[in-house]
Amino acid sequence: MTREREQDVHHTFRLLPRTEAEGKPSYVLGDGTGCVSRMADDMEHVQLDMADNLLGHAADLLADQRVTGAELHFLASRLSESLEEVKRVAESRGSRLSAIGSGADSGPPGRREPDVENR
């Protein structure tokens, strides 16, 4: 890559759609076109599809008058997990949109708004 071309590339931190083993956020630094970014795009797509399917299942289950407390507890647990994933996708996409709108590289994750490390 030429020196002129290198200056055109904006690298930003991207919040990935998964966490580290200890629950800390995971990030990738790049221009959004690399292998990890493409895999993250695919994972986000799967997570959003699963959330959509879960909402359909929830509507069906809640319409059933014979639903048990255990079934509702299981549904609430899955909905909570799904909401966390969808929230992470929204934060990631919102941060990337902010970086595009500012026209500058985003700083390290610790200096971004909202502060995802303290959630």
Protein backbone atom coordinates (compact mmCIF):
# COMPACT_ATOMS: atom_id res chain seq x y z
CA MET A 1 0.00 0.00 0.00
CA THR A 2 1.38 3.41 -0.89
CA ARG A 3 1.93 6.11 1.70
CA GLU A 4 -0.90 8.20 0.17
CA ARG A 5 -3.28 5.25 0.27
CA GLU A 6 -2.37 4.44 3.88
CA GLN A 7 -3.46 7.92 4.95
CA ASP A 8 -6.93 7.37 3.42
CA VAL A 9 -7.62 4.33 5.60
CA HIS A 10 -9.38 5.09 8.89
CA HIS A 11 -8.88 2.51 11.59
CA THR A 12 -11.39 2.39 14.40
CA PHE A 13 -12.10 0.17 17.36
CA ARG A 14 -15.10 -2.09 16.84
CA LEU A 15 -16.98 -3.70 19.67
CA LEU A 16 -17.33 -7.37 18.78
CA PRO A 17 -20.58 -9.33 19.30
CA ARG A 18 -19.06 -11.46 22.06
CA THR A 19 -17.27 -10.98 25.35
CA GLU A 20 -14.08 -12.37 26.80
CA ALA A 21 -14.32 -15.33 29.17
CA GLU A 22 -14.43 -13.01 32.20
CA GLY A 23 -17.22 -10.90 30.65
CA LYS A 24 -15.01 -8.07 29.38
CA PRO A 25 -15.81 -6.56 25.97
CA SER A 26 -13.82 -7.66 22.92
CA TYR A 27 -12.63 -5.24 20.24
CA VAL A 28 -10.93 -5.32 16.87
CA LEU A 29 -8.96 -2.42 15.42
CA GLY A 30 -9.20 -2.00 11.69
CA ASP A 31 -10.86 -0.39 8.73
CA GLY A 32 -13.92 -2.68 8.88
CA THR A 33 -13.02 -4.80 5.86
CA GLY A 34 -10.89 -7.52 7.45
CA CYS A 35 -11.69 -11.14 8.18
CA VAL A 36 -12.58 -10.53 11.85
CA SER A 37 -14.91 -7.67 10.90
CA ARG A 38 -16.66 -9.83 8.30
CA MET A 39 -17.08 -12.66 10.83
CA ALA A 40 -18.47 -10.14 13.35
CA ASP A 41 -20.95 -8.91 10.70
CA ASP A 42 -22.08 -12.51 10.15
CA MET A 43 -22.40 -13.17 13.88
CA GLU A 44 -24.43 -9.97 14.38
CA HIS A 45 -26.74 -11.04 11.55
CA VAL A 46 -27.28 -14.44 13.21
CA GLN A 47 -27.90 -12.83 16.61
CA LEU A 48 -30.50 -10.44 15.18
CA ASP A 49 -32.24 -13.28 13.31
CA MET A 50 -32.32 -15.37 16.48
CA ALA A 51 -33.80 -12.44 18.43
CA ASP A 52 -36.50 -12.04 15.78
CA ASN A 53 -37.35 -15.76 15.97
CA LEU A 54 -37.40 -15.61 19.78
CA LEU A 55 -39.87 -12.71 19.69
CA GLY A 56 -42.19 -14.79 17.53
CA HIS A 57 -41.89 -17.71 19.95
CA ALA A 58 -42.55 -15.38 22.89
CA ALA A 59 -45.74 -14.07 21.30
CA ASP A 60 -46.98 -17.62 20.75
CA LEU A 61 -46.10 -18.72 24.26
CA LEU A 62 -47.67 -15.68 25.91
CA ALA A 63 -50.89 -16.24 23.95
CA ASP A 64 -51.16 -19.76 25.39
CA GLN A 65 -53.31 -19.73 28.54
CA ARG A 66 -51.78 -23.04 29.69
CA VAL A 67 -48.20 -21.77 29.88
CA THR A 68 -46.40 -22.72 33.10
CA GLY A 69 -44.25 -20.61 35.37
CA ALA A 70 -41.21 -22.69 34.42
CA GLU A 71 -41.86 -22.03 30.73
CA LEU A 72 -42.21 -18.30 31.37
CA HIS A 73 -39.00 -18.29 33.42
CA PHE A 74 -37.14 -20.04 30.60
CA LEU A 75 -38.57 -17.58 28.06
CA ALA A 76 -37.59 -14.58 30.20
CA SER A 77 -34.05 -15.93 30.52
CA ARG A 78 -33.68 -16.37 26.75
CA LEU A 79 -35.20 -12.93 26.10
CA SER A 80 -32.74 -11.37 28.54
CA GLU A 81 -29.79 -13.06 26.85
CA SER A 82 -31.04 -12.01 23.44
CA LEU A 83 -31.60 -8.41 24.55
CA GLU A 84 -27.98 -8.23 25.77
CA GLU A 85 -26.77 -9.43 22.35
CA VAL A 86 -28.99 -6.98 20.46
CA LYS A 87 -27.85 -4.15 22.75
CA ARG A 88 -24.21 -5.00 22.01
CA VAL A 89 -24.94 -4.96 18.25
CA ALA A 90 -26.60 -1.56 18.62
CA GLU A 91 -23.67 -0.17 20.62
CA SER A 92 -21.19 -1.48 18.09
CA ARG A 93 -23.07 -0.07 15.13
CA GLY A 94 -23.72 3.23 16.88
CA SER A 95 -20.03 3.64 17.69
CA ARG A 96 -19.09 2.94 14.08
CA LEU A 97 -21.64 5.46 12.82
CA SER A 98 -20.27 8.06 15.24
CA ALA A 99 -16.74 7.41 14.01
CA ILE A 100 -17.86 7.85 10.39
CA GLY A 101 -19.74 11.04 11.25
CA SER A 102 -16.82 12.59 13.10
CA GLY A 103 -14.45 11.99 10.21
CA ALA A 104 -11.66 11.06 12.62
CA ASP A 105 -10.29 7.86 14.04
CA SER A 106 -12.03 6.81 17.20
CA GLY A 107 -9.84 6.58 20.25
CA PRO A 108 -9.23 3.58 22.43
CA PRO A 109 -12.34 1.88 23.78
CA GLY A 110 -11.84 3.43 27.23
CA ARG A 111 -12.37 6.91 25.80
CA ARG A 112 -15.50 6.25 23.75
CA GLU A 113 -19.05 7.16 24.66
CA PRO A 114 -20.90 5.23 25.93
CA ASP A 115 -18.39 3.58 28.23
CA VAL A 116 -19.04 -0.08 27.44
CA GLU A 117 -16.36 -1.34 29.84
CA ASN A 118 -18.42 -0.40 32.90
CA ARG A 119 -21.60 -2.20 31.90
